[in-house]
């Protein structure tokens, strides 16, 4: 007869911490990094945040916010060239649009892939995060210095301390909107925040996130000296939904937008004047076909021209050149082409923004709170 013999182990000596950690390396504190790389244009950040708040709450009835730019920033020269183009468009269309640039230096991944400039700035799989934080902060500072405000998605709960002062608008992504820690993070941000619907197309989770973020919370996090701290937030009143499609369907159409508006109303967050809806023209709303971003944008514009005034903004994924390219660690890349999601090119971006600006025109509206639409006044 066989028997089971247990090996004698002294469990008092078995490691129970860091058993799956290869190494831990200290990094500079947010205070130190901000001291080394200062914000060159604090006034731009403050002004743009207020402009977005005014659009969101219906104080500015003239303009839309438009966030345009690469899916992710990976190449400094191409990013700055794109930013220079955005700077010209901001001046050209400032009466109709508040244009900000996607400055995404962190990327969430459904499975695996390049996770952004902060995590892997050398694009070689070395994950030099110390350099990545500095490189990312410097790039965002330089974009701001060109007079171009930045939009980002916060993926790490700590990184807002490292570069949040350079950000004019922030997204909480489709994969993280439902997580309480990101809702609590948003409640303490000094930035207008857009919550995306889930990857399956669930809008309710974004509305729930707005409710949570508006309330105060007591959370843990790091302070500017990288010390773990107890943080009391006041709640963030400057949040909205980002409709990005999902679950194999788009949600930029009038029916979907009215569903979203009604959900905001049921949550007690719809006021007589606020505009709580942004349309992400990429991702599920382009059916993951980058050239269809224009279809989503033109549909949203037609709704606006027909009186739908709960839409506060549009978002595009755009780069110098269209499409994308495969990232292979250490391999050379084409200039000005995305290494994450596919993007429209600069010429199409210019065309779209001109179309949007002309469609809006110099008109003011009076919001009808009962239906979420408006009438124009010249």
Foldseek 3Di string as FASTA:
>chain_A
DDDDDDDDDDVVPDDDPCPVPPDDDDAAFLVVLCVVAPQPCLVLLVVLQVVLLCLQQQVDQAEFEEEEEAPEDQDLVQRVVVLLVVLVLCVVQVRYYRYAYEHEQAADDPDDDDGGQQQCNQLAPPRPNNVSLNVSQNSLSVSVVSVHQYEYEDDDLACCSNRVSRHAEYEDEQVPLQPLSVLQSLLARPHQYEYEHHQLQHLLSRLVSQLSQQDWDWDWYAHRRRDIDTDIGHGDLRYAYEQEAHNLAGQLAPVSVQVNVVSNVVSVSDDQRGQRYEYELADNVQVLPQVSSLVSLVNNLVVQLVFQSSYRYYYFNEWQDWFADDRDRPDDDDPTHHNPRTHHHPVVVVVSSVVSSVSSPRWGWRGDSVRNTTDTDD
